[in-house]
Protein backbone atom coordinates (compact mmCIF):
# COMPACT_ATOMS: atom_id res chain seq x y z
CA MET A 1 -0.25 28.08 8.10
CA ALA A 2 -1.87 26.41 4.83
CA ARG A 3 -4.07 23.32 4.87
CA PHE A 4 -3.76 20.00 2.95
CA ARG A 5 -5.35 16.77 1.92
CA ARG A 6 -3.87 13.53 0.60
CA ILE A 7 -4.20 13.09 -3.00
CA PRO A 8 -6.50 10.72 -4.00
CA SER A 9 -3.84 7.57 -4.83
CA PHE A 10 -4.03 3.57 -5.52
CA ILE A 11 -2.45 1.19 -3.86
CA GLU A 12 -2.16 -2.79 -3.84
CA ALA A 13 -2.18 -3.97 -0.09
CA HIS A 14 -1.62 -7.43 1.86
CA ARG A 15 -2.71 -7.84 5.34
CA ILE A 16 0.50 -9.40 7.34
CA GLN A 17 -0.30 -12.83 8.67
CA LYS A 18 3.20 -13.55 10.48
CA ARG A 19 5.89 -11.08 11.49
CA THR A 20 7.84 -10.25 8.21
CA LEU A 21 10.80 -8.39 7.38
CA VAL A 22 10.77 -6.20 4.32
CA GLY A 23 14.11 -5.91 2.93
CA PRO A 24 15.60 -2.62 1.55
CA SER A 25 15.22 -3.36 -2.22
CA GLN A 26 11.60 -3.99 -1.42
CA ASN A 27 10.91 -0.66 0.55
CA GLY A 28 12.80 1.44 -1.27
CA HIS A 29 14.91 2.74 2.01
CA GLN A 30 18.20 1.48 3.37
CA GLY A 31 17.07 -0.25 6.58
CA MET A 32 14.76 -3.25 6.94
CA LEU A 33 11.34 -3.00 8.07
CA VAL A 34 9.43 -5.31 10.55
CA ALA A 35 5.86 -6.11 10.19
CA TYR A 36 3.62 -7.46 12.50
CA PRO A 37 0.40 -9.42 12.59
CA GLY A 38 -2.33 -7.29 11.17
CA ASP A 39 -0.11 -4.56 9.88
CA TYR A 40 -0.41 -3.76 5.89
CA LEU A 41 2.18 -4.37 3.33
CA CYS A 42 1.40 -1.72 0.75
CA VAL A 43 2.91 -1.08 -2.73
CA ASP A 44 2.69 2.40 -4.43
CA SER A 45 1.90 3.24 -7.97
CA GLN A 46 5.67 3.54 -8.18
CA GLY A 47 6.47 0.15 -6.87
CA HIS A 48 7.65 1.64 -3.04
CA ALA A 49 6.38 -0.85 -0.50
CA PHE A 50 5.57 0.65 3.12
CA LEU A 51 4.08 -0.78 6.06
CA CYS A 52 1.13 0.39 7.20
CA SER A 53 -0.85 -0.40 10.65
CA ALA A 54 -4.23 -1.70 10.46
CA GLU A 55 -6.00 1.40 12.66
CA GLU A 56 -3.90 3.83 9.97
CA PHE A 57 -5.01 1.56 7.17
CA LYS A 58 -8.81 1.72 7.51
CA ARG A 59 -8.42 5.81 8.18
CA GLN A 60 -6.67 6.36 4.83
CA TYR A 61 -7.70 3.66 2.34
CA GLU A 62 -11.18 2.04 1.08
CA PRO A 63 -11.68 -1.07 -0.88
CA ILE A 64 -12.12 -0.95 -4.69
CA GLU A 65 -14.76 -2.52 -6.54
CA GLU A 66 -13.27 -5.89 -8.40
CA GLN A 67 -15.32 -4.58 -11.66
CA GLU A 68 -13.31 -1.34 -11.91
CA PRO A 69 -10.24 -0.92 -14.12
CA HIS A 70 -6.78 -1.78 -12.13
CA PRO A 71 -5.00 1.67 -11.78
CA LEU A 72 -1.57 0.08 -11.27
CA ARG A 73 -1.55 -1.76 -14.12
CA LYS A 74 -1.68 0.35 -17.37
CA GLY A 75 -2.50 -1.22 -20.43
CA ASP A 76 -4.80 -3.94 -18.97
CA ASP A 77 -8.13 -3.94 -20.89
CA HIS A 78 -11.44 -4.32 -18.59
CA ASP A 79 -13.96 -4.62 -20.91
């Protein structure tokens, strides 16, 4: 069986403080998603929102230094 690894990607994320419903227009799916305190609401480079548990988030993502160019906002100048 072939092995694969996740292609490095950039997301924006916000840690949820209270139970939140994420509607279909925001998540790109047909149903509602329920986020619970501690979960992360993430937005990928295509603008799709998805939820990630705190444990999963810590395994898959690391912070980006603020001085680095914003990878999701094309055309921004960060000189």
